[in-house]
C-alpha atoms as a PDB file:
ATOM      1  CA  MET A   1      61.465 144.148  28.924  1.00  0.00           C
ATOM      2  CA  ALA A   2      61.675 142.770  25.399  1.00  0.00           C
ATOM      3  CA  ARG A   3      59.293 140.021  24.295  1.00  0.00           C
ATOM      4  CA  LEU A   4      60.244 137.282  21.860  1.00  0.00           C
ATOM      5  CA  THR A   5      58.426 134.310  20.357  1.00  0.00           C
ATOM      6  CA  VAL A   6      60.649 131.531  19.002  1.00  0.00           C
ATOM      7  CA  GLY A   7      60.205 127.887  18.107  1.00  0.00           C
ATOM      8  CA  SER A   8      63.785 126.697  18.523  1.00  0.00           C
ATOM      9  CA  SER A   9      67.137 127.549  20.043  1.00  0.00           C
ATOM     10  CA  ALA A  10      68.539 127.941  16.510  1.00  0.00           C
ATOM     11  CA  GLU A  11      65.934 130.585  15.706  1.00  0.00           C
ATOM     12  CA  LEU A  12      66.795 132.496  18.879  1.00  0.00           C
ATOM     13  CA  ARG A  13      70.506 132.261  18.076  1.00  0.00           C
ATOM     14  CA  THR A  14      69.944 134.040  14.737  1.00  0.00           C
ATOM     15  CA  LEU A  15      68.397 136.945  16.659  1.00  0.00           C
ATOM     16  CA  LEU A  16      71.214 137.178  19.196  1.00  0.00           C
ATOM     17  CA  PRO A  17      73.344 139.901  17.514  1.00  0.00           C
ATOM     18  CA  SER A  18      70.419 142.324  17.420  1.00  0.00           C
ATOM     19  CA  LEU A  19      69.131 141.777  20.958  1.00  0.00           C
ATOM     20  CA  PRO A  20      69.750 144.415  23.638  1.00  0.00           C
ATOM     21  CA  ARG A  21      71.261 143.457  27.002  1.00  0.00           C
ATOM     22  CA  GLU A  22      68.093 143.597  29.056  1.00  0.00           C
ATOM     23  CA  ASP A  23      65.455 141.286  30.425  1.00  0.00           C
ATOM     24  CA  HIS A  24      63.595 139.220  27.839  1.00  0.00           C
ATOM     25  CA  LEU A  25      60.341 137.336  28.131  1.00  0.00           C
ATOM     26  CA  VAL A  26      60.751 134.444  25.721  1.00  0.00           C
ATOM     27  CA  HIS A  27      57.685 132.576  24.483  1.00  0.00           C
ATOM     28  CA  TYR A  28      59.080 129.175  23.582  1.00  0.00           C
ATOM     29  CA  ARG A  29      56.559 126.542  22.538  1.00  0.00           C
ATOM     30  CA  ALA A  30      54.042 126.485  25.388  1.00  0.00           C
ATOM     31  CA  ASN A  31      56.365 128.155  27.885  1.00  0.00           C
ATOM     32  CA  ARG A  32      57.061 131.689  28.999  1.00  0.00           C
ATOM     33  CA  ILE A  33      60.544 132.144  30.405  1.00  0.00           C
ATOM     34  CA  LYS A  34      62.057 135.364  31.698  1.00  0.00           C
ATOM     35  CA  THR A  35      65.797 135.646  31.259  1.00  0.00           C
ATOM     36  CA  ARG A  36      68.572 138.192  30.871  1.00  0.00           C
ATOM     37  CA  GLU A  37      71.608 136.269  29.622  1.00  0.00           C
ATOM     38  CA  ILE A  38      70.278 135.214  26.218  1.00  0.00           C
ATOM     39  CA  GLU A  39      73.421 133.402  25.061  1.00  0.00           C
ATOM     40  CA  SER A  40      73.445 130.993  28.017  1.00  0.00           C
ATOM     41  CA  PHE A  41      69.665 130.681  27.744  1.00  0.00           C
ATOM     42  CA  ILE A  42      70.017 129.504  24.128  1.00  0.00           C
ATOM     43  CA  THR A  43      72.222 126.689  25.418  1.00  0.00           C
ATOM     44  CA  GLU A  44      69.587 125.762  27.988  1.00  0.00           C
ATOM     45  CA  LEU A  45      66.884 125.599  25.328  1.00  0.00           C
ATOM     46  CA  GLN A  46      69.071 123.365  23.184  1.00  0.00           C
ATOM     47  CA  ILE A  47      70.160 120.853  25.809  1.00  0.00           C
ATOM     48  CA  VAL A  48      67.118 120.838  28.104  1.00  0.00           C
ATOM     49  CA  PHE A  49      64.163 121.063  25.706  1.00  0.00           C
ATOM     50  CA  GLU A  50      65.598 119.867  22.391  1.00  0.00           C
ATOM     51  CA  GLU A  51      68.354 117.420  23.347  1.00  0.00           C
ATOM     52  CA  GLN A  52      66.229 116.469  26.404  1.00  0.00           C
ATOM     53  CA  ILE A  53      69.165 115.563  28.631  1.00  0.00           C
ATOM     54  CA  TYR A  54      66.828 115.243  31.629  1.00  0.00           C
ATOM     55  CA  ALA A  55      64.262 112.966  30.009  1.00  0.00           C
ATOM     56  CA  PHE A  56      63.146 109.954  32.031  1.00  0.00           C
ATOM     57  CA  HIS A  57      60.191 107.626  32.153  1.00  0.00           C
ATOM     58  CA  SER A  58      58.052 107.150  35.231  1.00  0.00           C
ATOM     59  CA  THR A  59      54.814 105.227  35.649  1.00  0.00           C
ATOM     60  CA  CYS A  60      53.991 107.510  38.570  1.00  0.00           C
ATOM     61  CA  PRO A  61      52.054 110.640  37.515  1.00  0.00           C
ATOM     62  CA  SER A  62      53.632 112.628  40.358  1.00  0.00           C
ATOM     63  CA  PRO A  63      57.314 111.626  40.516  1.00  0.00           C
ATOM     64  CA  VAL A  64      59.597 113.209  43.099  1.00  0.00           C
ATOM     65  CA  ILE A  65      62.332 115.271  41.450  1.00  0.00           C
ATOM     66  CA  PHE A  66      65.285 117.078  43.011  1.00  0.00           C
ATOM     67  CA  ASP A  67      66.595 119.908  40.832  1.00  0.00           C
ATOM     68  CA  CYS A  68      70.008 120.734  42.301  1.00  0.00           C
ATOM     69  CA  GLY A  69      71.196 123.971  40.768  1.00  0.00           C
ATOM     70  CA  GLY A  70      67.856 125.222  39.501  1.00  0.00           C
ATOM     71  CA  HIS A  71      69.174 128.493  38.016  1.00  0.00           C
ATOM     72  CA  ILE A  72      66.256 130.387  36.389  1.00  0.00           C
ATOM     73  CA  GLY A  73      64.022 127.312  36.145  1.00  0.00           C
ATOM     74  CA  SER A  74      64.529 125.872  32.651  1.00  0.00           C
ATOM     75  CA  ALA A  75      64.881 122.272  33.846  1.00  0.00           C
ATOM     76  CA  LEU A  76      62.016 122.770  36.285  1.00  0.00           C
ATOM     77  CA  ILE A  77      59.745 123.913  33.453  1.00  0.00           C
ATOM     78  CA  TYR A  78      60.827 120.930  31.357  1.00  0.00           C
ATOM     79  CA  PHE A  79      60.051 118.498  34.189  1.00  0.00           C
ATOM     80  CA  LYS A  80      56.652 120.092  34.756  1.00  0.00           C
ATOM     81  CA  GLN A  81      55.843 119.839  31.057  1.00  0.00           C
ATOM     82  CA  LYS A  82      56.437 116.104  31.219  1.00  0.00           C
ATOM     83  CA  TYR A  83      54.897 115.532  34.651  1.00  0.00           C
ATOM     84  CA  PRO A  84      52.579 118.401  35.672  1.00  0.00           C
ATOM     85  CA  GLN A  85      51.909 116.818  39.071  1.00  0.00           C
ATOM     86  CA  ALA A  86      55.570 116.163  39.855  1.00  0.00           C
ATOM     87  CA  GLN A  87      56.763 117.076  43.341  1.00  0.00           C
ATOM     88  CA  VAL A  88      59.886 119.139  42.674  1.00  0.00           C
ATOM     89  CA  THR A  89      62.422 120.471  45.155  1.00  0.00           C
ATOM     90  CA  VAL A  90      64.718 123.090  43.627  1.00  0.00           C
ATOM     91  CA  PHE A  91      68.039 124.051  45.216  1.00  0.00           C
ATOM     92  CA  GLU A  92      69.380 127.448  44.164  1.00  0.00           C
ATOM     93  CA  ALA A  93      71.511 129.930  46.125  1.00  0.00           C
ATOM     94  CA  ASN A  94      72.160 132.667  43.555  1.00  0.00           C
ATOM     95  CA  PRO A  95      69.956 135.634  44.565  1.00  0.00           C
ATOM     96  CA  ILE A  96      69.821 136.974  40.997  1.00  0.00           C
ATOM     97  CA  ALA A  97      68.837 133.605  39.533  1.00  0.00           C
ATOM     98  CA  LEU A  98      66.271 133.199  42.319  1.00  0.00           C
ATOM     99  CA  GLU A  99      64.411 136.320  41.185  1.00  0.00           C
ATOM    100  CA  TYR A 100      64.018 134.853  37.703  1.00  0.00           C
ATOM    101  CA  LEU A 101      63.242 131.387  39.076  1.00  0.00           C
ATOM    102  CA  HIS A 102      60.353 132.610  41.207  1.00  0.00           C
ATOM    103  CA  GLU A 103      59.039 134.748  38.347  1.00  0.00           C
ATOM    104  CA  ASN A 104      59.166 131.813  35.938  1.00  0.00           C
ATOM    105  CA  ILE A 105      57.313 129.629  38.431  1.00  0.00           C
ATOM    106  CA  ARG A 106      54.624 132.318  38.548  1.00  0.00           C
ATOM    107  CA  LEU A 107      54.519 132.906  34.778  1.00  0.00           C
ATOM    108  CA  ASN A 108      54.050 129.204  34.071  1.00  0.00           C
ATOM    109  CA  ARG A 109      51.700 128.619  37.013  1.00  0.00           C
ATOM    110  CA  LEU A 110      53.768 125.769  38.369  1.00  0.00           C
ATOM    111  CA  GLU A 111      52.509 123.994  41.460  1.00  0.00           C
ATOM    112  CA  HIS A 112      54.020 121.490  43.895  1.00  0.00           C
ATOM    113  CA  VAL A 113      57.411 123.220  43.795  1.00  0.00           C
ATOM    114  CA  ASP A 114      59.585 123.861  46.862  1.00  0.00           C
ATOM    115  CA  VAL A 115      62.584 126.181  46.533  1.00  0.00           C
ATOM    116  CA  VAL A 116      65.530 125.786  48.906  1.00  0.00           C
ATOM    117  CA  GLU A 117      67.515 129.029  48.750  1.00  0.00           C
ATOM    118  CA  HIS A 118      70.828 127.551  49.874  1.00  0.00           C
ATOM    119  CA  PRO A 119      73.766 125.865  48.138  1.00  0.00           C
ATOM    120  CA  LEU A 120      74.400 122.160  48.590  1.00  0.00           C
ATOM    121  CA  PHE A 121      77.765 121.242  50.064  1.00  0.00           C
ATOM    122  CA  SER A 122      79.529 118.652  52.236  1.00  0.00           C
ATOM    123  CA  ALA A 123      78.861 120.409  55.555  1.00  0.00           C
ATOM    124  CA  ARG A 124      76.331 122.761  57.151  1.00  0.00           C
ATOM    125  CA  VAL A 125      78.648 125.755  57.153  1.00  0.00           C
ATOM    126  CA  PRO A 126      78.669 129.326  55.838  1.00  0.00           C
ATOM    127  CA  VAL A 127      80.307 129.432  52.393  1.00  0.00           C
ATOM    128  CA  GLU A 128      81.403 132.175  50.068  1.00  0.00           C
ATOM    129  CA  PHE A 129      79.172 131.962  46.997  1.00  0.00           C
ATOM    130  CA  VAL A 130      80.220 133.659  43.751  1.00  0.00           C
ATOM    131  CA  VAL A 131      77.222 135.198  42.001  1.00  0.00           C
ATOM    132  CA  ASP A 132      77.120 134.803  38.222  1.00  0.00           C
ATOM    133  CA  ILE A 133      73.826 135.005  36.360  1.00  0.00           C
ATOM    134  CA  ALA A 134      75.041 133.376  33.124  1.00  0.00           C
ATOM    135  CA  ASP A 135      76.335 130.152  34.694  1.00  0.00           C
ATOM    136  CA  GLY A 136      74.409 130.233  37.949  1.00  0.00           C
ATOM    137  CA  GLY A 137      77.262 130.903  40.352  1.00  0.00           C
ATOM    138  CA  CYS A 138      79.327 128.559  42.495  1.00  0.00           C
ATOM    139  CA  ILE A 139      80.944 128.076  45.859  1.00  0.00           C
ATOM    140  CA  GLU A 140      84.245 129.952  45.824  1.00  0.00           C
ATOM    141  CA  GLY A 141      87.180 127.779  44.820  1.00  0.00           C
ATOM    142  CA  LEU A 142      85.097 125.110  43.085  1.00  0.00           C
ATOM    143  CA  GLY A 143      84.114 126.699  39.778  1.00  0.00           C
ATOM    144  CA  CYS A 144      85.442 128.923  37.043  1.00  0.00           C
ATOM    145  CA  VAL A 145      83.104 131.907  37.411  1.00  0.00           C
ATOM    146  CA  SER A 146      84.035 135.264  38.887  1.00  0.00           C
ATOM    147  CA  GLY A 147      81.849 137.957  40.335  1.00  0.00           C
ATOM    148  CA  GLU A 148      80.332 139.346  43.492  1.00  0.00           C
ATOM    149  CA  LYS A 149      80.678 137.157  46.581  1.00  0.00           C
ATOM    150  CA  ILE A 150      78.021 136.612  49.201  1.00  0.00           C
ATOM    151  CA  THR A 151      78.054 134.505  52.362  1.00  0.00           C
ATOM    152  CA  VAL A 152      75.314 131.877  52.541  1.00  0.00           C
ATOM    153  CA  GLU A 153      74.612 128.844  54.683  1.00  0.00           C
ATOM    154  CA  ALA A 154      75.163 125.522  52.926  1.00  0.00           C
ATOM    155  CA  VAL A 155      72.808 122.576  53.380  1.00  0.00           C
ATOM    156  CA  LEU A 156      73.257 118.824  53.045  1.00  0.00           C
ATOM    157  CA  LEU A 157      71.634 116.742  50.339  1.00  0.00           C
ATOM    158  CA  SER A 158      71.473 113.842  52.799  1.00  0.00           C
ATOM    159  CA  ASP A 159      69.060 115.795  55.008  1.00  0.00           C
ATOM    160  CA  TYR A 160      66.587 115.914  52.118  1.00  0.00           C
ATOM    161  CA  LEU A 161      67.149 112.346  50.913  1.00  0.00           C
ATOM    162  CA  LYS A 162      66.777 110.605  54.300  1.00  0.00           C
ATOM    163  CA  ASP A 163      63.022 110.185  54.187  1.00  0.00           C
ATOM    164  CA  ARG A 164      62.267 110.584  50.477  1.00  0.00           C
ATOM    165  CA  HIS A 165      62.115 108.290  47.495  1.00  0.00           C
ATOM    166  CA  VAL A 166      63.448 110.353  44.572  1.00  0.00           C
ATOM    167  CA  ASP A 167      62.602 109.363  41.008  1.00  0.00           C
ATOM    168  CA  MET A 168      65.048 111.798  39.403  1.00  0.00           C
ATOM    169  CA  LEU A 169      67.988 113.681  40.868  1.00  0.00           C
ATOM    170  CA  LYS A 170      69.284 116.388  38.525  1.00  0.00           C
ATOM    171  CA  MET A 171      72.546 118.040  39.519  1.00  0.00           C
ATOM    172  CA  ASN A 172      74.309 121.004  37.947  1.00  0.00           C
ATOM    173  CA  ILE A 173      76.114 122.706  40.821  1.00  0.00           C
ATOM    174  CA  GLU A 174      79.267 124.051  39.187  1.00  0.00           C
ATOM    175  CA  GLY A 175      82.010 121.937  40.710  1.00  0.00           C
ATOM    176  CA  ALA A 176      80.418 120.924  44.027  1.00  0.00           C
ATOM    177  CA  GLU A 177      78.971 117.669  42.660  1.00  0.00           C
ATOM    178  CA  CYS A 178      81.673 115.365  44.035  1.00  0.00           C
ATOM    179  CA  ALA A 179      81.584 116.776  47.577  1.00  0.00           C
ATOM    180  CA  VAL A 180      77.785 116.684  47.655  1.00  0.00           C
ATOM    181  CA  LEU A 181      77.473 113.126  46.332  1.00  0.00           C
ATOM    182  CA  LYS A 182      80.115 111.783  48.709  1.00  0.00           C
ATOM    183  CA  GLU A 183      78.356 113.388  51.668  1.00  0.00           C
ATOM    184  CA  ALA A 184      74.990 111.919  50.637  1.00  0.00           C
ATOM    185  CA  ALA A 185      76.327 108.538  49.474  1.00  0.00           C
ATOM    186  CA  ALA A 186      74.557 106.467  52.132  1.00  0.00           C
ATOM    187  CA  TYR A 187      71.186 107.880  51.062  1.00  0.00           C
ATOM    188  CA  LEU A 188      71.568 107.478  47.321  1.00  0.00           C
ATOM    189  CA  LYS A 189      69.757 104.181  47.878  1.00  0.00           C
ATOM    190  CA  ASN A 190      66.624 106.356  47.869  1.00  0.00           C
ATOM    191  CA  VAL A 191      67.330 107.641  44.340  1.00  0.00           C
ATOM    192  CA  ASP A 192      66.218 105.761  41.224  1.00  0.00           C
ATOM    193  CA  ARG A 193      68.204 107.739  38.644  1.00  0.00           C
ATOM    194  CA  LEU A 194      70.269 110.864  38.294  1.00  0.00           C
ATOM    195  CA  VAL A 195      71.792 113.152  35.701  1.00  0.00           C
ATOM    196  CA  LEU A 196      74.727 115.267  36.760  1.00  0.00           C
ATOM    197  CA  GLU A 197      77.001 117.690  34.997  1.00  0.00           C
ATOM    198  CA  TYR A 198      80.619 117.073  35.895  1.00  0.00           C
ATOM    199  CA  HIS A 199      82.843 120.152  35.803  1.00  0.00           C
ATOM    200  CA  GLY A 200      86.545 119.690  35.143  1.00  0.00           C
ATOM    201  CA  PHE A 201      89.134 122.422  35.572  1.00  0.00           C
ATOM    202  CA  SER A 202      92.785 122.151  34.583  1.00  0.00           C
ATOM    203  CA  LYS A 203      94.044 123.949  37.692  1.00  0.00           C
ATOM    204  CA  THR A 204      92.105 121.941  40.275  1.00  0.00           C
ATOM    205  CA  GLU A 205      91.968 118.311  41.336  1.00  0.00           C
ATOM    206  CA  GLN A 206      89.879 116.050  39.125  1.00  0.00           C
ATOM    207  CA  HIS A 207      86.954 114.253  40.789  1.00  0.00           C
ATOM    208  CA  LEU A 208      85.178 112.279  38.085  1.00  0.00           C
ATOM    209  CA  HIS A 209      86.715 108.987  39.221  1.00  0.00           C
ATOM    210  CA  GLN A 210      85.487 109.616  42.765  1.00  0.00           C
ATOM    211  CA  ILE A 211      81.963 110.343  41.534  1.00  0.00           C
ATOM    212  CA  LEU A 212      81.870 107.145  39.490  1.00  0.00           C
ATOM    213  CA  THR A 213      83.172 105.152  42.467  1.00  0.00           C
ATOM    214  CA  VAL A 214      80.374 106.498  44.666  1.00  0.00           C
ATOM    215  CA  LEU A 215      77.787 105.598  42.038  1.00  0.00           C
ATOM    216  CA  ASP A 216      79.203 102.109  41.559  1.00  0.00           C
ATOM    217  CA  ASP A 217      79.395 101.473  45.315  1.00  0.00           C
ATOM    218  CA  GLN A 218      75.758 102.545  45.709  1.00  0.00           C
ATOM    219  CA  GLY A 219      74.469 100.170  43.024  1.00  0.00           C
ATOM    220  CA  PHE A 220      74.200 102.420  39.986  1.00  0.00           C
ATOM    221  CA  GLN A 221      75.027 101.760  36.370  1.00  0.00           C
ATOM    222  CA  TYR A 222      76.108 104.798  34.394  1.00  0.00           C
ATOM    223  CA  VAL A 223      76.950 106.222  31.009  1.00  0.00           C
ATOM    224  CA  ILE A 224      79.118 109.255  30.313  1.00  0.00           C
ATOM    225  CA  ASN A 225      78.484 111.657  27.482  1.00  0.00           C
ATOM    226  CA  SER A 226      79.408 115.114  26.288  1.00  0.00           C
ATOM    227  CA  PHE A 227      77.393 118.069  25.164  1.00  0.00           C
ATOM    228  CA  PRO A 228      77.238 119.020  21.472  1.00  0.00           C
ATOM    229  CA  ARG A 229      80.430 120.462  20.005  1.00  0.00           C
ATOM    230  CA  ASN A 230      79.010 123.990  19.774  1.00  0.00           C
ATOM    231  CA  ILE A 231      78.471 123.966  23.546  1.00  0.00           C
ATOM    232  CA  ASN A 232      81.414 121.935  24.848  1.00  0.00           C
ATOM    233  CA  GLY A 233      84.094 122.029  22.164  1.00  0.00           C
ATOM    234  CA  ASN A 234      86.836 121.413  24.738  1.00  0.00           C
ATOM    235  CA  ALA A 235      85.693 117.786  25.047  1.00  0.00           C
ATOM    236  CA  TRP A 236      85.750 117.073  21.306  1.00  0.00           C
ATOM    237  CA  PRO A 237      88.637 116.107  18.990  1.00  0.00           C
ATOM    238  CA  PRO A 238      91.313 117.172  18.569  1.00  0.00           C
ATOM    239  CA  PHE A 239      91.673 116.325  22.274  1.00  0.00           C
ATOM    240  CA  ARG A 240      93.665 118.506  24.643  1.00  0.00           C
ATOM    241  CA  ILE A 241      93.512 119.569  28.273  1.00  0.00           C
ATOM    242  CA  SER A 242      91.788 122.945  28.279  1.00  0.00           C
ATOM    243  CA  ASP A 243      91.047 125.358  31.102  1.00  0.00           C
ATOM    244  CA  PHE A 244      87.670 123.739  31.717  1.00  0.00           C
ATOM    245  CA  TRP A 245      85.307 121.161  30.294  1.00  0.00           C
ATOM    246  CA  PHE A 246      82.200 119.334  31.376  1.00  0.00           C
ATOM    247  CA  SER A 247      80.595 115.968  30.875  1.00  0.00           C
ATOM    248  CA  LEU A 248      77.186 114.460  31.482  1.00  0.00           C
ATOM    249  CA  VAL A 249      76.796 111.429  33.711  1.00  0.00           C
ATOM    250  CA  TYR A 250      73.502 109.523  33.612  1.00  0.00           C
ATOM    251  CA  ALA A 251      73.078 106.817  36.239  1.00  0.00           C
ATOM    252  CA  GLU A 252      70.260 104.531  37.308  1.00  0.00           C
ATOM    253  CA  LYS A 253      69.884 101.812  39.888  1.00  0.00           C
ATOM    254  CA  ARG A 254      70.771  98.333  38.663  1.00  0.00           C
ATOM    255  CA  GLY A 255      67.602  96.401  37.936  1.00  0.00           C
ATOM    256  CA  LEU A 256      65.418  99.510  37.798  1.00  0.00           C
ATOM    257  CA  ILE A 257      62.203  98.624  36.009  1.00  0.00           C
ATOM    258  CA  PRO A 258      61.636 101.039  33.064  1.00  0.00           C
END
């Protein structure tokens, strides 16, 4: 396993052409993160730690955070940097990503973390899950990845929201976000704020309007943004409908006290 010490995603990107395709232990600022897919990991460093797309303010030293689509743990590590005593529930179904996630929890000595090794969906049913380490994988038919398929039991977000007050709900679940939010709509009253990544695909039905309707009906205000051009060029001018694109939606309850 190769070991690297870098101070920025840009620095790591300059090293990319010379790096072998193997596991890397990256020392980034105060963190140690094990990864294999360096190119996608560079994107995570940029948007999670440098752009800080999951930043939020809480007066509680131990906020409750749901990390839906935890992948290898980058967002989890970011949250724990900001709030070491945070109570974090991570949802991740990809068995390859789970190996790295558990190792990164150990390497960074993270506590108060529960890992749910199932995908979120609209029903408690077995689903075909496509395994892809770079993008985290997805339920078959919902995302753009291809790879090995495994059968796993899906769980409901509503079952976890029923009796919890959640300070931050982060969601990056590769196309399942609309189905999951609609299923859990009645319990979004227990969520203060959320950040979700909306995935659009030219060959499938678009769901962004449905997501925004759910948020509006449940008392949220929202803003929509894109990722930087180098990450999400399909959403930047000159505009066109491409095979896929993604957008960020940040929402918080109306009247939420900062």
